[in-house]
Amino acid sequence: GECVGQVEKRLVPVLGAGFESKPTKNGETCRPFVESPENVLRLAEDYDTCNERRSVAMDMAVECLIKVGELKRRHGELYNISESWGSQTLAVVDRNAAPIFGVTSVGVHLNCYVKGGDQRPVGVWMAQRAELKPNGSPTAWPLRWDPTVAGGVPTGLELQEAVVKEASEEAGIEDPLLLGQMRSAGVLSQMTADPSGQKLKQSLYFCWDLEVGGDFRPNAADGEVAQFALWTISELEDEVRRGERLRPAMVLVLCDFLIRNGLITPDSEPAYPEIISAMHRDRLKLTADVKSNA
């Protein structure tokens, strides 16, 4: 099988043998995971046959994690699991559980900016994350700042469809003519972990830019954003360099925006070559001999 993620070693026995399996659609009750002597977690042969069967196993794992207190609740959206971007989907898993399995997270980010007289951006609309989600649960990185629109890509949506969906839900941007002017601006990758250094995972950030007029005003539509504010480029650059208001993962996305638009240049930044190299270097690749297969 393919190595598509990782779990902490302490969870391997929990998922391998530490919960009661429930009947599948076919009435089978075998455990979905097998712990190998090398401390690698593999799908049982009966489940490693097709997307649907693997997804059943992952759903059972989510129930197990909730039962033992490793996961508080389901998100409801499903994320694809695959060996690499663009390859065949092997299974799906609830969004909240994806980091526990080291599943590659795919996000879309839209930078709405205002141009000045020299045709370069002079301001970017930023979104401050709410303290609580609409359902009352805590928000990750409350009150930190994101690009105008930031969201995940659930199963069943193309990337641009996900941007349009998030733009409508988070920022109230629904004008099809305006959204039709979005420009795909590339993709970034980043390895992240939780504050304890656990739950290592790779994230892919697909970026779009959208020029807006001076009368443009995003609207916090779904309650996940506390407020929007138009930051000047100098304010944004200062935050990227030394501030603490941005959500940490978004420093990469916004630094890329500044570089792509000629706002951080080799003349203004002595470490420019090192920054470019760091932003685009190859990331860690998970392999079955050192990571646990999910």
C-alpha atoms as a PDB file:
ATOM      1  CA  GLY A   1       0.000   0.000   0.000  1.00  0.00           C
ATOM      2  CA  GLU A   2       0.911   3.665  -0.250  1.00  0.00           C
ATOM      3  CA  CYS A   3       2.163   5.723   2.696  1.00  0.00           C
ATOM      4  CA  VAL A   4      -0.182   8.696   2.829  1.00  0.00           C
ATOM      5  CA  GLY A   5       0.169  10.048   6.360  1.00  0.00           C
ATOM      6  CA  GLN A   6       1.292   9.430   9.901  1.00  0.00           C
ATOM      7  CA  VAL A   7      -0.052   9.055  13.410  1.00  0.00           C
ATOM      8  CA  GLU A   8       1.679   9.469  16.739  1.00  0.00           C
ATOM      9  CA  LYS A   9       3.200   6.220  18.018  1.00  0.00           C
ATOM     10  CA  ARG A  10       0.999   6.276  21.113  1.00  0.00           C
ATOM     11  CA  LEU A  11      -2.102   6.108  18.882  1.00  0.00           C
ATOM     12  CA  VAL A  12      -0.948   3.124  16.848  1.00  0.00           C
ATOM     13  CA  PRO A  13      -2.082   0.506  19.404  1.00  0.00           C
ATOM     14  CA  VAL A  14      -5.314   2.440  20.010  1.00  0.00           C
ATOM     15  CA  LEU A  15      -6.261   2.315  16.346  1.00  0.00           C
ATOM     16  CA  GLY A  16      -4.724  -1.092  15.768  1.00  0.00           C
ATOM     17  CA  ALA A  17      -6.513  -2.963  18.524  1.00  0.00           C
ATOM     18  CA  GLY A  18      -7.929  -0.580  21.068  1.00  0.00           C
ATOM     19  CA  PHE A  19     -11.540  -0.196  19.993  1.00  0.00           C
ATOM     20  CA  GLU A  20     -14.518  -2.312  19.139  1.00  0.00           C
ATOM     21  CA  SER A  21     -15.182  -2.350  15.424  1.00  0.00           C
ATOM     22  CA  LYS A  22     -18.727  -1.892  14.231  1.00  0.00           C
ATOM     23  CA  PRO A  23     -20.462  -3.744  11.378  1.00  0.00           C
ATOM     24  CA  THR A  24     -19.942  -2.366   7.904  1.00  0.00           C
ATOM     25  CA  LYS A  25     -22.605  -2.172   5.231  1.00  0.00           C
ATOM     26  CA  ASN A  26     -21.854  -5.812   4.471  1.00  0.00           C
ATOM     27  CA  GLY A  27     -22.222  -6.850   8.099  1.00  0.00           C
ATOM     28  CA  GLU A  28     -18.507  -7.514   8.578  1.00  0.00           C
ATOM     29  CA  THR A  29     -16.938  -6.738  11.948  1.00  0.00           C
ATOM     30  CA  CYS A  30     -13.192  -7.231  11.403  1.00  0.00           C
ATOM     31  CA  ARG A  31     -10.912  -4.516  12.685  1.00  0.00           C
ATOM     32  CA  PRO A  32      -9.980  -2.009   9.971  1.00  0.00           C
ATOM     33  CA  PHE A  33      -6.334  -1.509  10.986  1.00  0.00           C
ATOM     34  CA  VAL A  34      -3.417  -3.801  11.691  1.00  0.00           C
ATOM     35  CA  GLU A  35      -0.333  -2.842  13.717  1.00  0.00           C
ATOM     36  CA  SER A  36       2.839  -4.249  12.210  1.00  0.00           C
ATOM     37  CA  PRO A  37       5.951  -5.201  14.221  1.00  0.00           C
ATOM     38  CA  GLU A  38       7.637  -2.060  12.850  1.00  0.00           C
ATOM     39  CA  ASN A  39       5.015   0.075  14.623  1.00  0.00           C
ATOM     40  CA  VAL A  40       3.399   0.874  11.279  1.00  0.00           C
ATOM     41  CA  LEU A  41      -0.377   1.143  11.049  1.00  0.00           C
ATOM     42  CA  ARG A  42      -1.808  -0.517   7.961  1.00  0.00           C
ATOM     43  CA  LEU A  43      -5.280  -1.068   6.642  1.00  0.00           C
ATOM     44  CA  ALA A  44      -6.534  -4.613   7.058  1.00  0.00           C
ATOM     45  CA  GLU A  45      -6.687  -6.403   3.699  1.00  0.00           C
ATOM     46  CA  ASP A  46     -10.472  -6.555   3.791  1.00  0.00           C
ATOM     47  CA  TYR A  47     -10.643  -2.759   3.887  1.00  0.00           C
ATOM     48  CA  ASP A  48      -7.778  -1.923   1.539  1.00  0.00           C
ATOM     49  CA  THR A  49      -9.712  -2.718  -1.629  1.00  0.00           C
ATOM     50  CA  CYS A  50     -11.405   0.481  -2.844  1.00  0.00           C
ATOM     51  CA  ASN A  51     -12.137   4.104  -1.959  1.00  0.00           C
ATOM     52  CA  GLU A  52     -15.425   3.269  -0.250  1.00  0.00           C
ATOM     53  CA  ARG A  53     -13.938   0.523   1.941  1.00  0.00           C
ATOM     54  CA  ARG A  54     -10.965   2.656   2.965  1.00  0.00           C
ATOM     55  CA  SER A  55     -13.338   5.503   3.785  1.00  0.00           C
ATOM     56  CA  VAL A  56     -15.373   3.159   6.007  1.00  0.00           C
ATOM     57  CA  ALA A  57     -12.165   2.338   7.889  1.00  0.00           C
ATOM     58  CA  MET A  58     -11.327   6.025   8.309  1.00  0.00           C
ATOM     59  CA  ASP A  59     -14.841   6.740   9.566  1.00  0.00           C
ATOM     60  CA  MET A  60     -14.433   4.001  12.154  1.00  0.00           C
ATOM     61  CA  ALA A  61     -11.111   5.552  13.178  1.00  0.00           C
ATOM     62  CA  VAL A  62     -12.786   8.950  13.662  1.00  0.00           C
ATOM     63  CA  GLU A  63     -15.382   7.346  15.952  1.00  0.00           C
ATOM     64  CA  CYS A  64     -12.561   5.704  17.897  1.00  0.00           C
ATOM     65  CA  LEU A  65     -10.687   8.985  18.317  1.00  0.00           C
ATOM     66  CA  ILE A  66     -13.829  10.717  19.585  1.00  0.00           C
ATOM     67  CA  LYS A  67     -14.497   7.861  22.002  1.00  0.00           C
ATOM     68  CA  VAL A  68     -11.011   7.992  23.555  1.00  0.00           C
ATOM     69  CA  GLY A  69     -11.011  11.783  23.737  1.00  0.00           C
ATOM     70  CA  GLU A  70      -8.397  12.496  21.063  1.00  0.00           C
ATOM     71  CA  LEU A  71     -10.959  14.321  18.919  1.00  0.00           C
ATOM     72  CA  LYS A  72     -13.734  16.509  20.289  1.00  0.00           C
ATOM     73  CA  ARG A  73     -16.159  16.402  17.401  1.00  0.00           C
ATOM     74  CA  ARG A  74     -16.601  15.911  13.684  1.00  0.00           C
ATOM     75  CA  HIS A  75     -16.387  18.883  11.359  1.00  0.00           C
ATOM     76  CA  GLY A  76     -18.800  17.503   8.766  1.00  0.00           C
ATOM     77  CA  GLU A  77     -16.687  18.288   5.714  1.00  0.00           C
ATOM     78  CA  LEU A  78     -14.603  15.491   4.215  1.00  0.00           C
ATOM     79  CA  TYR A  79     -11.019  15.765   2.966  1.00  0.00           C
ATOM     80  CA  ASN A  80      -9.492  13.588   0.269  1.00  0.00           C
ATOM     81  CA  ILE A  81      -6.605  11.269   1.124  1.00  0.00           C
ATOM     82  CA  SER A  82      -4.118  10.618  -1.681  1.00  0.00           C
ATOM     83  CA  GLU A  83      -0.445   9.850  -2.106  1.00  0.00           C
ATOM     84  CA  SER A  84       0.226  13.250  -3.667  1.00  0.00           C
ATOM     85  CA  TRP A  85      -1.604  16.227  -5.142  1.00  0.00           C
ATOM     86  CA  GLY A  86      -3.473  15.276  -8.293  1.00  0.00           C
ATOM     87  CA  SER A  87      -3.165  11.550  -7.742  1.00  0.00           C
ATOM     88  CA  GLN A  88      -6.056   9.155  -7.211  1.00  0.00           C
ATOM     89  CA  THR A  89      -8.204   9.661  -4.124  1.00  0.00           C
ATOM     90  CA  LEU A  90      -7.699   6.613  -1.911  1.00  0.00           C
ATOM     91  CA  ALA A  91     -10.212   7.512   0.812  1.00  0.00           C
ATOM     92  CA  VAL A  92     -11.887  10.434   2.561  1.00  0.00           C
ATOM     93  CA  VAL A  93     -11.717  11.487   6.206  1.00  0.00           C
ATOM     94  CA  ASP A  94     -13.460  14.071   8.365  1.00  0.00           C
ATOM     95  CA  ARG A  95     -11.674  17.433   8.233  1.00  0.00           C
ATOM     96  CA  ASN A  96     -11.124  17.609  11.995  1.00  0.00           C
ATOM     97  CA  ALA A  97      -9.384  14.232  12.017  1.00  0.00           C
ATOM     98  CA  ALA A  98      -7.149  14.894   9.009  1.00  0.00           C
ATOM     99  CA  PRO A  99      -4.256  16.455  11.005  1.00  0.00           C
ATOM    100  CA  ILE A 100      -4.174  13.470  13.378  1.00  0.00           C
ATOM    101  CA  PHE A 101      -3.403  11.257  10.395  1.00  0.00           C
ATOM    102  CA  GLY A 102      -0.936  13.660   8.800  1.00  0.00           C
ATOM    103  CA  VAL A 103      -3.145  13.977   5.733  1.00  0.00           C
ATOM    104  CA  THR A 104      -2.014  16.702   3.322  1.00  0.00           C
ATOM    105  CA  SER A 105      -4.209  19.741   3.910  1.00  0.00           C
ATOM    106  CA  VAL A 106      -5.262  21.708   0.814  1.00  0.00           C
ATOM    107  CA  GLY A 107      -6.270  25.340   1.281  1.00  0.00           C
ATOM    108  CA  VAL A 108      -7.344  28.186  -0.999  1.00  0.00           C
ATOM    109  CA  HIS A 109      -6.454  31.814  -0.313  1.00  0.00           C
ATOM    110  CA  LEU A 110      -7.738  34.947  -1.995  1.00  0.00           C
ATOM    111  CA  ASN A 111      -5.932  38.287  -1.672  1.00  0.00           C
ATOM    112  CA  CYS A 112      -8.221  41.227  -2.500  1.00  0.00           C
ATOM    113  CA  TYR A 113      -6.028  44.261  -3.083  1.00  0.00           C
ATOM    114  CA  VAL A 114      -6.330  47.918  -4.120  1.00  0.00           C
ATOM    115  CA  LYS A 115      -3.923  49.374  -6.697  1.00  0.00           C
ATOM    116  CA  GLY A 116      -2.232  52.752  -6.547  1.00  0.00           C
ATOM    117  CA  GLY A 117      -1.171  55.156  -9.265  1.00  0.00           C
ATOM    118  CA  ASP A 118       1.930  53.128 -10.099  1.00  0.00           C
ATOM    119  CA  GLN A 119      -0.260  50.054 -10.734  1.00  0.00           C
ATOM    120  CA  ARG A 120       1.166  48.244  -7.716  1.00  0.00           C
ATOM    121  CA  PRO A 121      -0.936  47.218  -4.695  1.00  0.00           C
ATOM    122  CA  VAL A 122      -1.222  49.873  -1.988  1.00  0.00           C
ATOM    123  CA  GLY A 123      -3.571  47.959   0.325  1.00  0.00           C
ATOM    124  CA  VAL A 124      -4.853  44.454   1.026  1.00  0.00           C
ATOM    125  CA  TRP A 125      -8.145  43.521   2.656  1.00  0.00           C
ATOM    126  CA  MET A 126      -7.419  41.351   5.690  1.00  0.00           C
ATOM    127  CA  ALA A 127      -9.832  39.182   7.708  1.00  0.00           C
ATOM    128  CA  GLN A 128      -9.635  38.873  11.489  1.00  0.00           C
ATOM    129  CA  ARG A 129     -10.679  35.428  12.678  1.00  0.00           C
ATOM    130  CA  ALA A 130     -13.605  35.309  15.102  1.00  0.00           C
ATOM    131  CA  GLU A 131     -13.093  34.102  18.680  1.00  0.00           C
ATOM    132  CA  LEU A 132     -15.842  31.498  18.299  1.00  0.00           C
ATOM    133  CA  LYS A 133     -17.294  29.626  15.358  1.00  0.00           C
ATOM    134  CA  PRO A 134     -21.000  30.111  14.564  1.00  0.00           C
ATOM    135  CA  ASN A 135     -21.746  26.862  16.471  1.00  0.00           C
ATOM    136  CA  GLY A 136     -20.083  28.242  19.594  1.00  0.00           C
ATOM    137  CA  SER A 137     -16.939  26.114  19.459  1.00  0.00           C
ATOM    138  CA  PRO A 138     -13.522  27.805  19.789  1.00  0.00           C
ATOM    139  CA  THR A 139     -11.786  29.010  16.651  1.00  0.00           C
ATOM    140  CA  ALA A 140      -8.209  27.991  15.911  1.00  0.00           C
ATOM    141  CA  TRP A 141      -5.978  31.052  16.225  1.00  0.00           C
ATOM    142  CA  PRO A 142      -8.764  33.391  17.426  1.00  0.00           C
ATOM    143  CA  LEU A 143      -8.468  37.060  16.490  1.00  0.00           C
ATOM    144  CA  ARG A 144      -5.403  36.439  14.296  1.00  0.00           C
ATOM    145  CA  TRP A 145      -5.477  37.815  10.767  1.00  0.00           C
ATOM    146  CA  ASP A 146      -5.827  35.961   7.457  1.00  0.00           C
ATOM    147  CA  PRO A 147      -5.884  37.032   3.800  1.00  0.00           C
ATOM    148  CA  THR A 148      -9.287  38.235   2.599  1.00  0.00           C
ATOM    149  CA  VAL A 149     -10.518  34.674   2.106  1.00  0.00           C
ATOM    150  CA  ALA A 150      -8.981  31.470   3.456  1.00  0.00           C
ATOM    151  CA  GLY A 151     -10.533  28.024   3.542  1.00  0.00           C
ATOM    152  CA  GLY A 152     -10.135  24.310   2.986  1.00  0.00           C
ATOM    153  CA  VAL A 153     -11.067  22.280  -0.070  1.00  0.00           C
ATOM    154  CA  PRO A 154     -13.655  19.619   0.785  1.00  0.00           C
ATOM    155  CA  THR A 155     -14.251  16.484  -1.226  1.00  0.00           C
ATOM    156  CA  GLY A 156     -16.189  17.130  -4.433  1.00  0.00           C
ATOM    157  CA  LEU A 157     -15.026  20.688  -5.152  1.00  0.00           C
ATOM    158  CA  GLU A 158     -12.484  21.930  -7.660  1.00  0.00           C
ATOM    159  CA  LEU A 159     -10.047  24.547  -6.354  1.00  0.00           C
ATOM    160  CA  GLN A 160     -11.709  27.544  -8.018  1.00  0.00           C
ATOM    161  CA  GLU A 161     -15.127  26.322  -6.886  1.00  0.00           C
ATOM    162  CA  ALA A 162     -13.776  26.260  -3.342  1.00  0.00           C
ATOM    163  CA  VAL A 163     -12.505  29.847  -3.652  1.00  0.00           C
ATOM    164  CA  VAL A 164     -15.900  31.048  -4.907  1.00  0.00           C
ATOM    165  CA  LYS A 165     -17.669  29.162  -2.104  1.00  0.00           C
ATOM    166  CA  GLU A 166     -15.415  30.598   0.607  1.00  0.00           C
ATOM    167  CA  ALA A 167     -15.569  34.112  -0.874  1.00  0.00           C
ATOM    168  CA  SER A 168     -19.359  34.019  -0.644  1.00  0.00           C
ATOM    169  CA  GLU A 169     -19.543  32.445   2.818  1.00  0.00           C
ATOM    170  CA  GLU A 170     -16.735  34.329   4.563  1.00  0.00           C
ATOM    171  CA  ALA A 171     -16.647  37.696   2.824  1.00  0.00           C
ATOM    172  CA  GLY A 172     -20.044  38.061   1.156  1.00  0.00           C
ATOM    173  CA  ILE A 173     -18.399  38.352  -2.288  1.00  0.00           C
ATOM    174  CA  GLU A 174     -20.983  37.051  -4.739  1.00  0.00           C
ATOM    175  CA  ASP A 175     -20.621  39.238  -7.853  1.00  0.00           C
ATOM    176  CA  PRO A 176     -19.845  36.735 -10.648  1.00  0.00           C
ATOM    177  CA  LEU A 177     -18.233  39.436 -12.800  1.00  0.00           C
ATOM    178  CA  LEU A 178     -15.885  40.397  -9.966  1.00  0.00           C
ATOM    179  CA  LEU A 179     -15.071  36.804  -9.076  1.00  0.00           C
ATOM    180  CA  GLY A 180     -14.424  36.113 -12.738  1.00  0.00           C
ATOM    181  CA  GLN A 181     -11.450  38.477 -12.533  1.00  0.00           C
ATOM    182  CA  MET A 182      -9.631  36.360  -9.948  1.00  0.00           C
ATOM    183  CA  ARG A 183      -6.125  35.424 -11.064  1.00  0.00           C
ATOM    184  CA  SER A 184      -4.519  32.145 -10.046  1.00  0.00           C
ATOM    185  CA  ALA A 185      -1.150  33.051  -8.518  1.00  0.00           C
ATOM    186  CA  GLY A 186       0.494  29.735  -7.696  1.00  0.00           C
ATOM    187  CA  VAL A 187       0.838  27.225  -4.903  1.00  0.00           C
ATOM    188  CA  LEU A 188       2.981  27.033  -1.766  1.00  0.00           C
ATOM    189  CA  SER A 189       3.769  24.152   0.559  1.00  0.00           C
ATOM    190  CA  GLN A 190       4.537  24.156   4.256  1.00  0.00           C
ATOM    191  CA  MET A 191       5.146  21.584   6.981  1.00  0.00           C
ATOM    192  CA  THR A 192       3.331  22.382  10.214  1.00  0.00           C
ATOM    193  CA  ALA A 193       2.876  20.818  13.642  1.00  0.00           C
ATOM    194  CA  ASP A 194       0.851  21.523  16.754  1.00  0.00           C
ATOM    195  CA  PRO A 195       2.499  23.542  19.592  1.00  0.00           C
ATOM    196  CA  SER A 196       3.931  20.340  21.122  1.00  0.00           C
ATOM    197  CA  GLY A 197       5.652  19.391  17.870  1.00  0.00           C
ATOM    198  CA  GLN A 198       3.230  16.534  17.172  1.00  0.00           C
ATOM    199  CA  LYS A 199       0.778  15.947  14.303  1.00  0.00           C
ATOM    200  CA  LEU A 200       3.251  16.842  11.582  1.00  0.00           C
ATOM    201  CA  LYS A 201       1.516  17.442   8.273  1.00  0.00           C
ATOM    202  CA  GLN A 202       2.051  19.052   4.913  1.00  0.00           C
ATOM    203  CA  SER A 203      -0.184  21.863   3.724  1.00  0.00           C
ATOM    204  CA  LEU A 204      -0.672  23.074   0.168  1.00  0.00           C
ATOM    205  CA  TYR A 205      -1.819  26.682  -0.230  1.00  0.00           C
ATOM    206  CA  PHE A 206      -3.300  27.583  -3.624  1.00  0.00           C
ATOM    207  CA  CYS A 207      -3.365  31.370  -4.025  1.00  0.00           C
ATOM    208  CA  TRP A 208      -5.507  33.782  -6.025  1.00  0.00           C
ATOM    209  CA  ASP A 209      -5.299  37.558  -6.398  1.00  0.00           C
ATOM    210  CA  LEU A 210      -8.234  39.886  -7.086  1.00  0.00           C
ATOM    211  CA  GLU A 211      -7.934  43.595  -7.769  1.00  0.00           C
ATOM    212  CA  VAL A 212     -10.833  45.542  -6.223  1.00  0.00           C
ATOM    213  CA  GLY A 213     -11.887  49.175  -6.353  1.00  0.00           C
ATOM    214  CA  GLY A 214     -11.805  51.761  -3.637  1.00  0.00           C
ATOM    215  CA  ASP A 215     -15.524  51.284  -2.935  1.00  0.00           C
ATOM    216  CA  PHE A 216     -15.153  47.522  -2.335  1.00  0.00           C
ATOM    217  CA  ARG A 217     -16.173  46.361   1.144  1.00  0.00           C
ATOM    218  CA  PRO A 218     -16.110  42.675   2.177  1.00  0.00           C
ATOM    219  CA  ASN A 219     -18.827  41.600   4.573  1.00  0.00           C
ATOM    220  CA  ALA A 220     -18.403  39.094   7.425  1.00  0.00           C
ATOM    221  CA  ALA A 221     -21.223  36.872   6.208  1.00  0.00           C
ATOM    222  CA  ASP A 222     -21.035  33.531   8.039  1.00  0.00           C
ATOM    223  CA  GLY A 223     -19.700  34.594  11.435  1.00  0.00           C
ATOM    224  CA  GLU A 224     -16.243  33.043  11.048  1.00  0.00           C
ATOM    225  CA  VAL A 225     -14.675  36.488  10.545  1.00  0.00           C
ATOM    226  CA  ALA A 226     -14.806  39.119  13.300  1.00  0.00           C
ATOM    227  CA  GLN A 227     -14.018  42.027  10.987  1.00  0.00           C
ATOM    228  CA  PHE A 228     -12.283  43.052   7.764  1.00  0.00           C
ATOM    229  CA  ALA A 229      -9.733  45.843   7.528  1.00  0.00           C
ATOM    230  CA  LEU A 230      -7.807  47.387   4.660  1.00  0.00           C
ATOM    231  CA  TRP A 231      -4.135  47.177   5.585  1.00  0.00           C
ATOM    232  CA  THR A 232      -1.569  49.366   3.892  1.00  0.00           C
ATOM    233  CA  ILE A 233       1.311  47.557   2.224  1.00  0.00           C
ATOM    234  CA  SER A 234       3.769  48.976   4.772  1.00  0.00           C
ATOM    235  CA  GLU A 235       1.568  47.668   7.597  1.00  0.00           C
ATOM    236  CA  LEU A 236       1.355  44.241   5.978  1.00  0.00           C
ATOM    237  CA  GLU A 237       5.084  44.047   5.317  1.00  0.00           C
ATOM    238  CA  ASP A 238       5.854  45.025   8.909  1.00  0.00           C
ATOM    239  CA  GLU A 239       3.591  42.239  10.182  1.00  0.00           C
ATOM    240  CA  VAL A 240       5.153  39.691   7.837  1.00  0.00           C
ATOM    241  CA  ARG A 241       8.627  40.666   9.017  1.00  0.00           C
ATOM    242  CA  ARG A 242       8.205  41.081  12.758  1.00  0.00           C
ATOM    243  CA  GLY A 243       4.563  41.166  13.842  1.00  0.00           C
ATOM    244  CA  GLU A 244       2.440  38.726  15.826  1.00  0.00           C
ATOM    245  CA  ARG A 245      -1.050  39.522  14.549  1.00  0.00           C
ATOM    246  CA  LEU A 246      -1.069  37.155  11.561  1.00  0.00           C
ATOM    247  CA  ARG A 247      -2.044  33.507  11.798  1.00  0.00           C
ATOM    248  CA  PRO A 248       1.420  31.894  11.645  1.00  0.00           C
ATOM    249  CA  ALA A 249       0.730  29.742   8.575  1.00  0.00           C
ATOM    250  CA  MET A 250      -0.368  32.814   6.627  1.00  0.00           C
ATOM    251  CA  VAL A 251       2.991  34.568   6.911  1.00  0.00           C
ATOM    252  CA  LEU A 252       4.150  32.395   3.993  1.00  0.00           C
ATOM    253  CA  VAL A 253       1.084  33.232   1.860  1.00  0.00           C
ATOM    254  CA  LEU A 254       1.354  36.979   2.449  1.00  0.00           C
ATOM    255  CA  CYS A 255       5.124  37.098   2.041  1.00  0.00           C
ATOM    256  CA  ASP A 256       4.601  35.422  -1.333  1.00  0.00           C
ATOM    257  CA  PHE A 257       2.024  38.100  -2.255  1.00  0.00           C
ATOM    258  CA  LEU A 258       4.478  40.883  -1.421  1.00  0.00           C
ATOM    259  CA  ILE A 259       7.280  39.273  -3.439  1.00  0.00           C
ATOM    260  CA  ARG A 260       5.105  38.447  -6.463  1.00  0.00           C
ATOM    261  CA  ASN A 261       3.907  42.049  -6.674  1.00  0.00           C
ATOM    262  CA  GLY A 262       7.378  43.594  -6.424  1.00  0.00           C
ATOM    263  CA  LEU A 263       6.815  44.940  -2.921  1.00  0.00           C
ATOM    264  CA  ILE A 264       9.712  42.986  -1.410  1.00  0.00           C
ATOM    265  CA  THR A 265      12.622  43.046  -3.853  1.00  0.00           C
ATOM    266  CA  PRO A 266      16.280  42.001  -3.972  1.00  0.00           C
ATOM    267  CA  ASP A 267      17.192  45.668  -3.464  1.00  0.00           C
ATOM    268  CA  SER A 268      15.037  46.074  -0.369  1.00  0.00           C
ATOM    269  CA  GLU A 269      15.759  42.672   1.215  1.00  0.00           C
ATOM    270  CA  PRO A 270      19.379  41.444   1.596  1.00  0.00           C
ATOM    271  CA  ALA A 271      18.220  37.884   2.351  1.00  0.00           C
ATOM    272  CA  TYR A 272      16.031  37.732  -0.773  1.00  0.00           C
ATOM    273  CA  PRO A 273      17.746  34.649  -2.330  1.00  0.00           C
ATOM    274  CA  GLU A 274      17.567  32.738   0.947  1.00  0.00           C
ATOM    275  CA  ILE A 275      13.885  33.625   1.398  1.00  0.00           C
ATOM    276  CA  ILE A 276      12.980  32.491  -2.114  1.00  0.00           C
ATOM    277  CA  SER A 277      14.907  29.246  -1.625  1.00  0.00           C
ATOM    278  CA  ALA A 278      13.230  28.568   1.725  1.00  0.00           C
ATOM    279  CA  MET A 279       9.755  29.227   0.302  1.00  0.00           C
ATOM    280  CA  HIS A 280      10.155  26.727  -2.517  1.00  0.00           C
ATOM    281  CA  ARG A 281      12.436  23.991  -1.194  1.00  0.00           C
ATOM    282  CA  ASP A 282      11.360  20.358  -1.277  1.00  0.00           C
ATOM    283  CA  ARG A 283       9.413  19.287   1.788  1.00  0.00           C
ATOM    284  CA  LEU A 284       9.658  16.145   3.883  1.00  0.00           C
ATOM    285  CA  LYS A 285       8.245  13.088   2.126  1.00  0.00           C
ATOM    286  CA  LEU A 286       6.594  10.472   4.306  1.00  0.00           C
ATOM    287  CA  THR A 287       7.816   6.914   3.802  1.00  0.00           C
ATOM    288  CA  ALA A 288       6.487   3.708   5.256  1.00  0.00           C
ATOM    289  CA  ASP A 289       9.708   2.751   7.032  1.00  0.00           C
ATOM    290  CA  VAL A 290       9.636   5.819   9.299  1.00  0.00           C
ATOM    291  CA  LYS A 291       5.982   6.874   9.395  1.00  0.00           C
ATOM    292  CA  SER A 292       2.788   5.087  10.215  1.00  0.00           C
ATOM    293  CA  ASN A 293       0.482   4.370   7.297  1.00  0.00           C
ATOM    294  CA  ALA A 294      -3.087   5.644   7.639  1.00  0.00           C
END
